[in-house]
C-alpha atoms as a PDB file:
ATOM      1  CA  MET A   1     131.735 153.202 154.583  1.00  0.00           C
ATOM      2  CA  ARG A   2     128.137 152.131 154.467  1.00  0.00           C
ATOM      3  CA  TYR A   3     125.045 154.015 155.575  1.00  0.00           C
ATOM      4  CA  LYS A   4     122.238 153.169 157.636  1.00  0.00           C
ATOM      5  CA  LEU A   5     118.653 154.780 158.465  1.00  0.00           C
ATOM      6  CA  LEU A   6     118.314 155.314 161.991  1.00  0.00           C
ATOM      7  CA  GLY A   7     115.328 154.028 163.451  1.00  0.00           C
ATOM      8  CA  PRO A   8     112.183 155.044 162.013  1.00  0.00           C
ATOM      9  CA  SER A   9     113.671 158.090 160.196  1.00  0.00           C
ATOM     10  CA  GLY A  10     115.048 158.759 157.079  1.00  0.00           C
ATOM     11  CA  LEU A  11     118.457 160.281 158.775  1.00  0.00           C
ATOM     12  CA  ARG A  12     121.106 158.116 157.292  1.00  0.00           C
ATOM     13  CA  VAL A  13     124.240 157.354 159.342  1.00  0.00           C
ATOM     14  CA  SER A  14     127.490 156.034 159.023  1.00  0.00           C
ATOM     15  CA  GLU A  15     127.966 152.077 160.033  1.00  0.00           C
ATOM     16  CA  LEU A  16     130.391 153.662 162.707  1.00  0.00           C
ATOM     17  CA  CYS A  17     129.495 156.654 164.999  1.00  0.00           C
ATOM     18  CA  LEU A  18     132.422 158.377 166.350  1.00  0.00           C
ATOM     19  CA  GLY A  19     132.242 159.339 170.395  1.00  0.00           C
ATOM     20  CA  THR A  20     133.919 162.502 171.364  1.00  0.00           C
ATOM     21  CA  MET A  21     134.310 161.785 174.885  1.00  0.00           C
ATOM     22  CA  SER A  22     137.818 161.713 174.669  1.00  0.00           C
ATOM     23  CA  PHE A  23     138.242 164.974 173.154  1.00  0.00           C
ATOM     24  CA  GLY A  24     139.184 168.098 175.552  1.00  0.00           C
ATOM     25  CA  ASP A  25     141.278 168.348 178.798  1.00  0.00           C
ATOM     26  CA  ALA A  26     139.365 169.217 181.414  1.00  0.00           C
ATOM     27  CA  TRP A  27     139.210 165.767 182.936  1.00  0.00           C
ATOM     28  CA  GLY A  28     143.079 165.554 182.864  1.00  0.00           C
ATOM     29  CA  PHE A  29     143.226 163.208 179.700  1.00  0.00           C
ATOM     30  CA  GLY A  30     142.272 163.203 176.374  1.00  0.00           C
ATOM     31  CA  ALA A  31     143.109 164.576 172.789  1.00  0.00           C
ATOM     32  CA  ASP A  32     143.787 167.954 172.387  1.00  0.00           C
ATOM     33  CA  GLU A  33     141.895 170.055 169.797  1.00  0.00           C
ATOM     34  CA  LYS A  34     144.427 169.628 166.698  1.00  0.00           C
ATOM     35  CA  GLU A  35     144.751 165.658 167.504  1.00  0.00           C
ATOM     36  CA  ALA A  36     140.769 165.864 167.672  1.00  0.00           C
ATOM     37  CA  HIS A  37     140.748 167.522 164.177  1.00  0.00           C
ATOM     38  CA  ARG A  38     142.623 165.035 162.971  1.00  0.00           C
ATOM     39  CA  ILE A  39     140.668 162.084 164.182  1.00  0.00           C
ATOM     40  CA  LEU A  40     137.722 163.947 162.904  1.00  0.00           C
ATOM     41  CA  GLU A  41     139.041 164.601 159.325  1.00  0.00           C
ATOM     42  CA  ALA A  42     140.054 161.022 158.985  1.00  0.00           C
ATOM     43  CA  PHE A  43     136.873 159.796 160.329  1.00  0.00           C
ATOM     44  CA  ALA A  44     135.293 162.110 157.215  1.00  0.00           C
ATOM     45  CA  GLU A  45     137.450 161.025 154.676  1.00  0.00           C
ATOM     46  CA  ALA A  46     136.635 157.539 155.570  1.00  0.00           C
ATOM     47  CA  GLY A  47     132.956 158.055 154.762  1.00  0.00           C
ATOM     48  CA  GLY A  48     131.886 158.942 158.698  1.00  0.00           C
ATOM     49  CA  ASN A  49     129.143 161.172 158.740  1.00  0.00           C
ATOM     50  CA  PHE A  50     127.949 160.392 162.272  1.00  0.00           C
ATOM     51  CA  ILE A  51     129.242 162.165 165.272  1.00  0.00           C
ATOM     52  CA  ASP A  52     128.281 161.465 168.923  1.00  0.00           C
ATOM     53  CA  THR A  53     129.206 164.130 171.876  1.00  0.00           C
ATOM     54  CA  ALA A  54     127.344 165.064 175.123  1.00  0.00           C
ATOM     55  CA  ASN A  55     127.318 168.723 176.865  1.00  0.00           C
ATOM     56  CA  LYS A  56     129.042 166.983 179.779  1.00  0.00           C
ATOM     57  CA  TYR A  57     131.928 165.902 177.853  1.00  0.00           C
ATOM     58  CA  HIS A  58     135.229 167.838 179.517  1.00  0.00           C
ATOM     59  CA  GLU A  59     132.687 170.051 180.659  1.00  0.00           C
ATOM     60  CA  GLY A  60     131.335 171.391 177.403  1.00  0.00           C
ATOM     61  CA  GLN A  61     135.274 171.193 175.524  1.00  0.00           C
ATOM     62  CA  SER A  62     133.976 168.234 173.643  1.00  0.00           C
ATOM     63  CA  GLU A  63     131.109 170.452 172.015  1.00  0.00           C
ATOM     64  CA  GLU A  64     133.327 173.483 171.297  1.00  0.00           C
ATOM     65  CA  ILE A  65     136.218 171.101 169.901  1.00  0.00           C
ATOM     66  CA  VAL A  66     133.451 169.119 167.434  1.00  0.00           C
ATOM     67  CA  GLY A  67     131.920 172.876 166.279  1.00  0.00           C
ATOM     68  CA  GLY A  68     135.223 174.211 165.584  1.00  0.00           C
ATOM     69  CA  PHE A  69     135.694 171.365 163.315  1.00  0.00           C
ATOM     70  CA  LEU A  70     132.084 171.621 161.429  1.00  0.00           C
ATOM     71  CA  GLY A  71     132.421 174.837 159.893  1.00  0.00           C
ATOM     72  CA  PRO A  72     130.754 175.525 156.401  1.00  0.00           C
ATOM     73  CA  ASP A  73     130.613 171.496 156.169  1.00  0.00           C
ATOM     74  CA  ARG A  74     128.428 171.342 159.146  1.00  0.00           C
ATOM     75  CA  ASP A  75     125.166 169.985 156.922  1.00  0.00           C
ATOM     76  CA  ARG A  76     127.463 167.221 155.875  1.00  0.00           C
ATOM     77  CA  PHE A  77     127.416 165.917 159.419  1.00  0.00           C
ATOM     78  CA  VAL A  78     124.966 163.907 161.384  1.00  0.00           C
ATOM     79  CA  VAL A  79     125.380 165.488 165.050  1.00  0.00           C
ATOM     80  CA  ALA A  80     124.416 164.182 167.869  1.00  0.00           C
ATOM     81  CA  THR A  81     124.700 165.487 171.407  1.00  0.00           C
ATOM     82  CA  LYS A  82     123.181 164.694 174.966  1.00  0.00           C
ATOM     83  CA  TYR A  83     121.421 166.522 178.364  1.00  0.00           C
ATOM     84  CA  THR A  84     120.920 165.208 181.557  1.00  0.00           C
ATOM     85  CA  LEU A  85     124.344 165.157 183.765  1.00  0.00           C
ATOM     86  CA  ALA A  86     125.009 167.900 186.460  1.00  0.00           C
ATOM     87  CA  MET A  87     126.556 170.584 184.597  1.00  0.00           C
ATOM     88  CA  ASP A  88     126.445 173.207 187.624  1.00  0.00           C
ATOM     89  CA  PRO A  89     126.649 171.441 190.816  1.00  0.00           C
ATOM     90  CA  GLY A  90     124.883 174.456 193.083  1.00  0.00           C
ATOM     91  CA  ASN A  91     121.845 174.533 190.614  1.00  0.00           C
ATOM     92  CA  PRO A  92     119.436 171.517 191.242  1.00  0.00           C
ATOM     93  CA  ASN A  93     117.586 172.445 188.137  1.00  0.00           C
ATOM     94  CA  ALA A  94     120.805 172.211 186.013  1.00  0.00           C
ATOM     95  CA  ALA A  95     120.565 168.395 185.840  1.00  0.00           C
ATOM     96  CA  GLY A  96     118.240 165.754 185.212  1.00  0.00           C
ATOM     97  CA  ASN A  97     115.437 165.420 182.364  1.00  0.00           C
ATOM     98  CA  SER A  98     113.353 168.385 183.129  1.00  0.00           C
ATOM     99  CA  ARG A  99     111.514 170.232 180.493  1.00  0.00           C
ATOM    100  CA  LYS A 100     113.926 173.522 182.001  1.00  0.00           C
ATOM    101  CA  ASN A 101     117.230 171.884 181.975  1.00  0.00           C
ATOM    102  CA  LEU A 102     116.537 170.497 178.624  1.00  0.00           C
ATOM    103  CA  ARG A 103     116.094 173.764 177.109  1.00  0.00           C
ATOM    104  CA  THR A 104     118.857 175.533 178.677  1.00  0.00           C
ATOM    105  CA  SER A 105     120.965 172.525 177.735  1.00  0.00           C
ATOM    106  CA  VAL A 106     120.513 172.786 174.199  1.00  0.00           C
ATOM    107  CA  GLU A 107     120.592 176.483 174.047  1.00  0.00           C
ATOM    108  CA  ALA A 108     123.991 176.239 175.417  1.00  0.00           C
ATOM    109  CA  SER A 109     125.363 173.301 173.320  1.00  0.00           C
ATOM    110  CA  LEU A 110     123.832 174.954 170.049  1.00  0.00           C
ATOM    111  CA  ARG A 111     126.163 177.617 171.186  1.00  0.00           C
ATOM    112  CA  ARG A 112     129.354 175.934 171.894  1.00  0.00           C
ATOM    113  CA  LEU A 113     128.401 173.623 168.835  1.00  0.00           C
ATOM    114  CA  GLY A 114     127.867 176.645 166.402  1.00  0.00           C
ATOM    115  CA  THR A 115     125.006 175.533 165.164  1.00  0.00           C
ATOM    116  CA  ASP A 116     121.273 176.269 164.751  1.00  0.00           C
ATOM    117  CA  TYR A 117     120.020 172.865 164.898  1.00  0.00           C
ATOM    118  CA  LEU A 118     120.951 169.295 166.393  1.00  0.00           C
ATOM    119  CA  ASP A 119     120.527 166.379 164.076  1.00  0.00           C
ATOM    120  CA  LEU A 120     119.736 164.236 166.924  1.00  0.00           C
ATOM    121  CA  LEU A 121     119.204 164.974 170.936  1.00  0.00           C
ATOM    122  CA  TRP A 122     119.887 161.955 173.207  1.00  0.00           C
ATOM    123  CA  VAL A 123     118.557 162.103 176.722  1.00  0.00           C
ATOM    124  CA  HIS A 124     121.537 160.718 178.597  1.00  0.00           C
ATOM    125  CA  ALA A 125     120.567 159.187 181.419  1.00  0.00           C
ATOM    126  CA  TRP A 126     117.164 158.152 182.991  1.00  0.00           C
ATOM    127  CA  ASP A 127     116.797 160.444 186.222  1.00  0.00           C
ATOM    128  CA  TYR A 128     113.896 158.755 187.640  1.00  0.00           C
ATOM    129  CA  THR A 129     111.893 162.066 188.910  1.00  0.00           C
ATOM    130  CA  THR A 130     110.817 163.821 186.069  1.00  0.00           C
ATOM    131  CA  PRO A 131     107.683 161.810 184.312  1.00  0.00           C
ATOM    132  CA  VAL A 132     107.951 160.418 180.732  1.00  0.00           C
ATOM    133  CA  ALA A 133     105.011 162.541 179.354  1.00  0.00           C
ATOM    134  CA  GLU A 134     106.887 165.908 180.199  1.00  0.00           C
ATOM    135  CA  VAL A 135     110.220 164.587 178.436  1.00  0.00           C
ATOM    136  CA  MET A 136     108.387 163.405 175.096  1.00  0.00           C
ATOM    137  CA  ARG A 137     106.160 166.757 175.139  1.00  0.00           C
ATOM    138  CA  ALA A 138     109.526 168.724 175.822  1.00  0.00           C
ATOM    139  CA  LEU A 139     111.706 166.937 173.330  1.00  0.00           C
ATOM    140  CA  ASP A 140     108.746 167.539 170.973  1.00  0.00           C
ATOM    141  CA  ASP A 141     108.701 171.040 171.423  1.00  0.00           C
ATOM    142  CA  LEU A 142     112.008 171.563 170.377  1.00  0.00           C
ATOM    143  CA  VAL A 143     111.481 169.323 167.220  1.00  0.00           C
ATOM    144  CA  SER A 144     108.639 171.583 166.061  1.00  0.00           C
ATOM    145  CA  ALA A 145     110.944 174.703 166.813  1.00  0.00           C
ATOM    146  CA  GLY A 146     113.369 173.286 164.165  1.00  0.00           C
ATOM    147  CA  MET A 147     116.079 173.022 167.150  1.00  0.00           C
ATOM    148  CA  VAL A 148     115.914 169.534 167.125  1.00  0.00           C
ATOM    149  CA  LEU A 149     115.484 167.045 164.182  1.00  0.00           C
ATOM    150  CA  HIS A 150     115.415 163.524 165.923  1.00  0.00           C
ATOM    151  CA  VAL A 151     115.179 162.323 169.629  1.00  0.00           C
ATOM    152  CA  ALA A 152     116.595 159.372 170.990  1.00  0.00           C
ATOM    153  CA  LEU A 153     117.015 157.819 174.573  1.00  0.00           C
ATOM    154  CA  SER A 154     120.808 156.513 176.541  1.00  0.00           C
ATOM    155  CA  ASP A 155     121.229 154.428 179.680  1.00  0.00           C
ATOM    156  CA  ALA A 156     117.923 154.062 180.194  1.00  0.00           C
ATOM    157  CA  PRO A 157     115.569 150.981 180.902  1.00  0.00           C
ATOM    158  CA  ALA A 158     113.495 149.297 178.413  1.00  0.00           C
ATOM    159  CA  TRP A 159     110.389 150.180 180.274  1.00  0.00           C
ATOM    160  CA  VAL A 160     110.998 153.503 180.106  1.00  0.00           C
ATOM    161  CA  ALA A 161     111.333 153.432 176.306  1.00  0.00           C
ATOM    162  CA  ALA A 162     108.514 151.690 175.992  1.00  0.00           C
ATOM    163  CA  GLN A 163     106.406 153.612 177.556  1.00  0.00           C
ATOM    164  CA  ALA A 164     108.096 157.019 175.765  1.00  0.00           C
ATOM    165  CA  ASN A 165     107.108 155.747 172.520  1.00  0.00           C
ATOM    166  CA  THR A 166     103.798 154.700 173.252  1.00  0.00           C
ATOM    167  CA  LEU A 167     102.852 157.934 174.525  1.00  0.00           C
ATOM    168  CA  ALA A 168     104.644 159.954 171.570  1.00  0.00           C
ATOM    169  CA  THR A 169     102.684 157.419 169.119  1.00  0.00           C
ATOM    170  CA  TRP A 170      99.208 158.141 171.263  1.00  0.00           C
ATOM    171  CA  ARG A 171      99.563 161.685 171.137  1.00  0.00           C
ATOM    172  CA  GLY A 172     101.594 162.544 167.875  1.00  0.00           C
ATOM    173  CA  TRP A 173     105.058 163.612 169.469  1.00  0.00           C
ATOM    174  CA  SER A 174     108.146 163.158 167.819  1.00  0.00           C
ATOM    175  CA  PRO A 175     109.099 159.433 168.288  1.00  0.00           C
ATOM    176  CA  LEU A 176     112.412 157.723 169.709  1.00  0.00           C
ATOM    177  CA  VAL A 177     114.575 156.724 166.777  1.00  0.00           C
ATOM    178  CA  ALA A 178     117.451 155.008 168.634  1.00  0.00           C
ATOM    179  CA  LEU A 179     118.833 153.441 172.179  1.00  0.00           C
ATOM    180  CA  GLN A 180     122.262 154.345 173.504  1.00  0.00           C
ATOM    181  CA  LEU A 181     124.055 151.664 175.790  1.00  0.00           C
ATOM    182  CA  GLU A 182     127.006 150.088 176.782  1.00  0.00           C
ATOM    183  CA  TYR A 183     127.126 146.748 174.789  1.00  0.00           C
ATOM    184  CA  SER A 184     130.557 144.594 173.856  1.00  0.00           C
ATOM    185  CA  LEU A 185     131.883 141.283 174.270  1.00  0.00           C
ATOM    186  CA  LEU A 186     132.383 142.149 178.504  1.00  0.00           C
ATOM    187  CA  GLU A 187     128.708 143.843 178.639  1.00  0.00           C
ATOM    188  CA  ARG A 188     126.116 141.355 176.958  1.00  0.00           C
ATOM    189  CA  THR A 189     123.529 142.339 179.321  1.00  0.00           C
ATOM    190  CA  ALA A 190     121.040 144.214 176.943  1.00  0.00           C
ATOM    191  CA  ASP A 191     120.577 141.124 175.527  1.00  0.00           C
ATOM    192  CA  ARG A 192     117.761 140.763 178.199  1.00  0.00           C
ATOM    193  CA  GLU A 193     115.789 143.491 178.107  1.00  0.00           C
ATOM    194  CA  LEU A 194     117.093 146.526 175.820  1.00  0.00           C
ATOM    195  CA  LEU A 195     117.937 144.781 172.319  1.00  0.00           C
ATOM    196  CA  PRO A 196     114.406 143.119 172.322  1.00  0.00           C
ATOM    197  CA  ALA A 197     112.505 146.092 173.083  1.00  0.00           C
ATOM    198  CA  ALA A 198     114.512 148.193 170.108  1.00  0.00           C
ATOM    199  CA  GLU A 199     113.848 145.237 167.939  1.00  0.00           C
ATOM    200  CA  ALA A 200     110.119 145.343 168.881  1.00  0.00           C
ATOM    201  CA  LEU A 201     109.755 149.383 168.514  1.00  0.00           C
ATOM    202  CA  GLY A 202     112.133 149.478 165.174  1.00  0.00           C
ATOM    203  CA  LEU A 203     114.564 151.699 166.906  1.00  0.00           C
ATOM    204  CA  SER A 204     118.241 151.532 166.230  1.00  0.00           C
ATOM    205  CA  VAL A 205     121.095 150.614 168.906  1.00  0.00           C
ATOM    206  CA  CYS A 206     124.134 152.422 169.002  1.00  0.00           C
ATOM    207  CA  ALA A 207     127.072 150.808 171.528  1.00  0.00           C
ATOM    208  CA  TRP A 208     129.558 152.824 173.663  1.00  0.00           C
ATOM    209  CA  ALA A 209     132.304 151.320 174.988  1.00  0.00           C
ATOM    210  CA  PRO A 210     132.286 148.364 172.057  1.00  0.00           C
ATOM    211  CA  LEU A 211     135.598 147.411 172.973  1.00  0.00           C
ATOM    212  CA  GLY A 212     135.017 147.452 177.081  1.00  0.00           C
ATOM    213  CA  ALA A 213     137.283 150.413 178.082  1.00  0.00           C
ATOM    214  CA  GLY A 214     140.439 148.942 176.134  1.00  0.00           C
ATOM    215  CA  ILE A 215     140.451 145.316 177.557  1.00  0.00           C
ATOM    216  CA  LEU A 216     139.137 144.144 173.666  1.00  0.00           C
ATOM    217  CA  THR A 217     142.119 145.738 172.337  1.00  0.00           C
ATOM    218  CA  GLY A 218     144.886 143.309 172.994  1.00  0.00           C
ATOM    219  CA  LYS A 219     146.225 145.875 175.265  1.00  0.00           C
ATOM    220  CA  TYR A 220     146.131 143.973 178.478  1.00  0.00           C
ATOM    221  CA  THR A 221     146.258 140.687 177.264  1.00  0.00           C
ATOM    222  CA  ARG A 222     148.781 141.208 174.868  1.00  0.00           C
ATOM    223  CA  GLY A 223     151.109 143.469 177.188  1.00  0.00           C
ATOM    224  CA  ALA A 224     150.307 145.447 180.376  1.00  0.00           C
ATOM    225  CA  THR A 225     148.181 143.789 182.899  1.00  0.00           C
ATOM    226  CA  THR A 226     147.346 146.757 185.249  1.00  0.00           C
ATOM    227  CA  VAL A 227     145.925 150.393 184.201  1.00  0.00           C
ATOM    228  CA  PRO A 228     148.378 152.966 184.377  1.00  0.00           C
ATOM    229  CA  GLU A 229     147.679 154.673 188.312  1.00  0.00           C
ATOM    230  CA  ASP A 230     147.443 158.677 186.662  1.00  0.00           C
ATOM    231  CA  SER A 231     144.457 157.330 184.722  1.00  0.00           C
ATOM    232  CA  ARG A 232     141.441 159.326 185.793  1.00  0.00           C
ATOM    233  CA  ARG A 233     139.512 156.082 185.653  1.00  0.00           C
ATOM    234  CA  ALA A 234     142.064 153.786 187.007  1.00  0.00           C
ATOM    235  CA  ALA A 235     139.620 152.054 189.814  1.00  0.00           C
ATOM    236  CA  ALA A 236     136.716 151.338 187.221  1.00  0.00           C
ATOM    237  CA  ASN A 237     138.892 150.142 184.390  1.00  0.00           C
ATOM    238  CA  GLN A 238     140.987 147.884 186.766  1.00  0.00           C
ATOM    239  CA  ALA A 239     137.948 146.319 188.252  1.00  0.00           C
ATOM    240  CA  ARG A 240     136.881 145.160 184.639  1.00  0.00           C
ATOM    241  CA  LEU A 241     140.259 143.117 184.770  1.00  0.00           C
ATOM    242  CA  THR A 242     138.278 140.264 185.899  1.00  0.00           C
ATOM    243  CA  GLU A 243     139.124 136.252 185.319  1.00  0.00           C
ATOM    244  CA  ARG A 244     136.132 136.138 182.825  1.00  0.00           C
ATOM    245  CA  ASN A 245     136.719 139.543 180.870  1.00  0.00           C
ATOM    246  CA  LEU A 246     140.586 138.638 180.259  1.00  0.00           C
ATOM    247  CA  GLY A 247     139.469 135.237 179.098  1.00  0.00           C
ATOM    248  CA  ILE A 248     137.166 136.788 176.464  1.00  0.00           C
ATOM    249  CA  ALA A 249     140.150 139.214 175.407  1.00  0.00           C
ATOM    250  CA  GLY A 250     142.051 136.154 175.006  1.00  0.00           C
ATOM    251  CA  GLU A 251     139.314 134.514 172.692  1.00  0.00           C
ATOM    252  CA  VAL A 252     139.221 138.132 170.945  1.00  0.00           C
ATOM    253  CA  ASP A 253     143.143 137.863 170.449  1.00  0.00           C
ATOM    254  CA  ARG A 254     142.971 134.162 169.320  1.00  0.00           C
ATOM    255  CA  VAL A 255     140.393 134.857 167.020  1.00  0.00           C
ATOM    256  CA  ALA A 256     142.217 138.212 165.462  1.00  0.00           C
ATOM    257  CA  ASP A 257     145.644 136.008 165.039  1.00  0.00           C
ATOM    258  CA  ALA A 258     143.773 133.387 163.081  1.00  0.00           C
ATOM    259  CA  LEU A 259     141.925 136.019 160.887  1.00  0.00           C
ATOM    260  CA  GLY A 260     145.431 138.270 160.342  1.00  0.00           C
ATOM    261  CA  ALA A 261     143.185 141.116 161.976  1.00  0.00           C
ATOM    262  CA  GLY A 262     143.715 143.468 165.011  1.00  0.00           C
ATOM    263  CA  SER A 263     141.594 142.453 168.269  1.00  0.00           C
ATOM    264  CA  ALA A 264     140.287 146.060 168.314  1.00  0.00           C
ATOM    265  CA  GLN A 265     138.660 145.277 164.519  1.00  0.00           C
ATOM    266  CA  VAL A 266     137.652 141.800 165.872  1.00  0.00           C
ATOM    267  CA  SER A 267     135.897 143.261 168.909  1.00  0.00           C
ATOM    268  CA  THR A 268     134.222 145.919 166.621  1.00  0.00           C
ATOM    269  CA  ALA A 269     133.391 143.737 164.035  1.00  0.00           C
ATOM    270  CA  TRP A 270     131.058 141.371 166.603  1.00  0.00           C
ATOM    271  CA  VAL A 271     129.127 144.296 167.824  1.00  0.00           C
ATOM    272  CA  ARG A 272     128.422 145.324 164.251  1.00  0.00           C
ATOM    273  CA  SER A 273     127.523 141.515 163.272  1.00  0.00           C
ATOM    274  CA  ARG A 274     124.560 142.010 166.027  1.00  0.00           C
ATOM    275  CA  GLY A 275     123.057 144.870 164.036  1.00  0.00           C
ATOM    276  CA  VAL A 276     124.212 147.264 166.468  1.00  0.00           C
ATOM    277  CA  ILE A 277     126.544 150.698 165.483  1.00  0.00           C
ATOM    278  CA  PRO A 278     129.189 150.988 167.294  1.00  0.00           C
ATOM    279  CA  VAL A 279     130.255 154.217 169.038  1.00  0.00           C
ATOM    280  CA  VAL A 280     134.299 154.404 168.737  1.00  0.00           C
ATOM    281  CA  GLY A 281     136.041 156.466 171.152  1.00  0.00           C
ATOM    282  CA  VAL A 282     139.671 157.401 170.318  1.00  0.00           C
ATOM    283  CA  ARG A 283     142.202 159.888 171.650  1.00  0.00           C
ATOM    284  CA  ALA A 284     144.652 159.208 168.824  1.00  0.00           C
ATOM    285  CA  LEU A 285     144.743 159.288 165.141  1.00  0.00           C
ATOM    286  CA  GLU A 286     145.950 155.500 165.129  1.00  0.00           C
ATOM    287  CA  GLN A 287     143.532 153.805 167.205  1.00  0.00           C
ATOM    288  CA  LEU A 288     140.703 155.621 164.470  1.00  0.00           C
ATOM    289  CA  GLU A 289     142.808 153.649 162.008  1.00  0.00           C
ATOM    290  CA  ASP A 290     143.070 150.483 163.627  1.00  0.00           C
ATOM    291  CA  VAL A 291     139.605 150.623 164.261  1.00  0.00           C
ATOM    292  CA  LEU A 292     138.000 151.510 160.769  1.00  0.00           C
ATOM    293  CA  GLY A 293     139.732 148.104 159.785  1.00  0.00           C
ATOM    294  CA  CYS A 294     136.508 146.493 160.843  1.00  0.00           C
ATOM    295  CA  LEU A 295     134.996 148.122 157.933  1.00  0.00           C
ATOM    296  CA  ASP A 296     136.994 145.248 155.832  1.00  0.00           C
ATOM    297  CA  LEU A 297     136.343 142.328 158.230  1.00  0.00           C
ATOM    298  CA  GLU A 298     133.631 140.138 157.927  1.00  0.00           C
ATOM    299  CA  LEU A 299     133.905 137.311 160.681  1.00  0.00           C
ATOM    300  CA  PRO A 300     133.180 133.678 159.293  1.00  0.00           C
ATOM    301  CA  ALA A 301     130.202 131.872 161.194  1.00  0.00           C
ATOM    302  CA  GLU A 302     132.416 129.659 163.440  1.00  0.00           C
ATOM    303  CA  HIS A 303     134.190 132.197 164.830  1.00  0.00           C
ATOM    304  CA  LEU A 304     131.049 134.241 165.525  1.00  0.00           C
ATOM    305  CA  ALA A 305     129.999 131.188 167.289  1.00  0.00           C
ATOM    306  CA  GLU A 306     133.177 130.761 169.246  1.00  0.00           C
ATOM    307  CA  LEU A 307     132.624 134.501 170.487  1.00  0.00           C
ATOM    308  CA  ASP A 308     129.237 134.416 171.124  1.00  0.00           C
ATOM    309  CA  GLU A 309     129.373 131.406 173.438  1.00  0.00           C
ATOM    310  CA  VAL A 310     132.669 132.446 175.357  1.00  0.00           C
ATOM    311  CA  SER A 311     130.685 135.474 176.025  1.00  0.00           C
ATOM    312  CA  ARG A 312     127.338 134.481 176.823  1.00  0.00           C
ATOM    313  CA  ILE A 313     125.080 135.460 179.414  1.00  0.00           C
ATOM    314  CA  GLU A 314     122.527 134.082 181.894  1.00  0.00           C
ATOM    315  CA  LEU A 315     119.412 136.026 180.805  1.00  0.00           C
ATOM    316  CA  GLY A 316     117.533 134.813 183.788  1.00  0.00           C
ATOM    317  CA  PHE A 317     113.448 134.964 184.266  1.00  0.00           C
ATOM    318  CA  PRO A 318     111.428 134.883 182.334  1.00  0.00           C
ATOM    319  CA  TYR A 319     113.424 134.239 179.657  1.00  0.00           C
ATOM    320  CA  GLU A 320     115.215 131.268 181.022  1.00  0.00           C
ATOM    321  CA  LEU A 321     111.643 130.116 181.817  1.00  0.00           C
ATOM    322  CA  LEU A 322     110.153 130.698 178.077  1.00  0.00           C
ATOM    323  CA  MET A 323     113.123 129.264 176.556  1.00  0.00           C
ATOM    324  CA  GLY A 324     113.913 126.296 178.565  1.00  0.00           C
ATOM    325  CA  PRO A 325     112.043 123.186 178.403  1.00  0.00           C
ATOM    326  CA  GLN A 326     109.117 124.820 180.708  1.00  0.00           C
ATOM    327  CA  GLY A 327     108.528 126.784 177.693  1.00  0.00           C
ATOM    328  CA  GLN A 328     106.526 123.961 176.034  1.00  0.00           C
ATOM    329  CA  MET A 329     103.873 123.756 178.318  1.00  0.00           C
ATOM    330  CA  VAL A 330     102.372 127.044 176.242  1.00  0.00           C
ATOM    331  CA  TYR A 331     102.246 125.271 173.344  1.00  0.00           C
ATOM    332  CA  GLY A 332     102.506 121.652 174.211  1.00  0.00           C
ATOM    333  CA  ASP A 333     103.982 118.979 171.220  1.00  0.00           C
ATOM    334  CA  LEU A 334     102.978 121.338 168.966  1.00  0.00           C
ATOM    335  CA  GLU A 335     105.542 124.065 169.783  1.00  0.00           C
ATOM    336  CA  PRO A 336     108.156 123.021 167.313  1.00  0.00           C
ATOM    337  CA  GLN A 337     105.815 123.120 164.288  1.00  0.00           C
ATOM    338  CA  ILE A 338     104.572 126.914 165.270  1.00  0.00           C
ATOM    339  CA  GLU A 339     106.876 129.442 163.401  1.00  0.00           C
ATOM    340  CA  LEU A 340     106.719 133.542 163.589  1.00  0.00           C
ATOM    341  CA  PRO A 341     106.566 135.650 160.270  1.00  0.00           C
ATOM    342  CA  GLY A 342     109.873 134.632 157.966  1.00  0.00           C
ATOM    343  CA  ALA A 343     110.218 130.915 159.269  1.00  0.00           C
ATOM    344  CA  ALA A 344     111.963 131.781 162.679  1.00  0.00           C
ATOM    345  CA  PRO A 345     111.452 129.336 165.500  1.00  0.00           C
ATOM    346  CA  ILE A 346     108.750 130.848 167.773  1.00  0.00           C
ATOM    347  CA  ARG A 347     111.213 130.856 170.843  1.00  0.00           C
ATOM    348  CA  TRP A 348     113.719 133.646 170.605  1.00  0.00           C
ATOM    349  CA  ARG A 349     117.526 131.736 171.085  1.00  0.00           C
END
C-alpha cells in the first residue's frame, strides 16, 4: 500500500479508502460486527489507514462498529465521517448543513466512534438551503476547537466547492481538502465539472461506488442477470443493468481475462489510473481480498484506452464547443502552437 497527501494538507492517507456503509444490520443488510472487524483488520494489515464512515450509515451502527475496532490504535488511522442526512425524522434541525446540525452531529459521532477528534469531516450532501459562508465558518470553528482536523465536501456541485474554498481563502478559514463523489466506468459525469474543479483547487478526489454497485465485478456478466428481490436496493440496482452498463462490464471482463486478473481489480485499477482514491465498500473479507489485488495491477496503455473509449460520455456545452473545431476561433491558426505549462495541449482532452 502506498500513501497520498490528502489535497493541500499534510495528512497521509492510503491509496485505497475502506468504506463502511455495509457495516451494520439496521438497514436489513450488511456485515455484522465480527465480520466488519475481520475486514478492518485485513485492511490494516495490508497497510490501509483511511476509513470512511457516516453518522447515517445503519443509523449510527457503522460508526459504533468502527469505534469498537479502533481502540488503542486509534491514532494509526485516518478516520473520516460525515454529517448532513436526517437522523431524527421529527426534528427539522436534525438534518441539513446548518451550524446546529453540524455541531450536534459531530458530538454524537465522536461518542459512537469513541474518540475525541475526527481526522476528516465530510459535508455529506449539499442541502441548497444553508449559506456556504455558514457552513465554512462552522466547520472552521470545529477545527479551531480541535474536534476536527480537516474538512471536505461530498455529493455537491462544483460551484459549491469553488465558492466554499474561495471564501475560506479570503477569510482565513480551514479550506476543503477533498471532494467525494460517485465515479466509475459506469458513472463518469464528474469528468465535466467536478474533476476539473478538484484539479484547479488542488483537492483530492475520493470515489464512492467504484465498482458500479457490483456490476463491474462480473457479478451480472459472468453469472446472475438480475438483482435478488430481497435486496434493499434492488430497484435502484436493477435500474443500473442497462445495455450500456452491461456492455462496459463485459469489456472489463475481457480486459481482466487478458491480464489474468479479476474484474473488480480491473475496475478499481481504472479509477486509480485517473488519480482518484477509490472508496471500497465490502460486506465480506473475501471481497476485500479480491479488490486488494488491484494494488499490484497496472493497466497497459492499450487497455486503458479501450476502457476509456467504451465508457466515454458526452461532455456537453461548453466543453464540446471549446474543445471542438469551434475552439479554434479563440486562437485561430496559432492554437496548435500554444501550450500550457508542462507542454500540455491548451485544449483539455
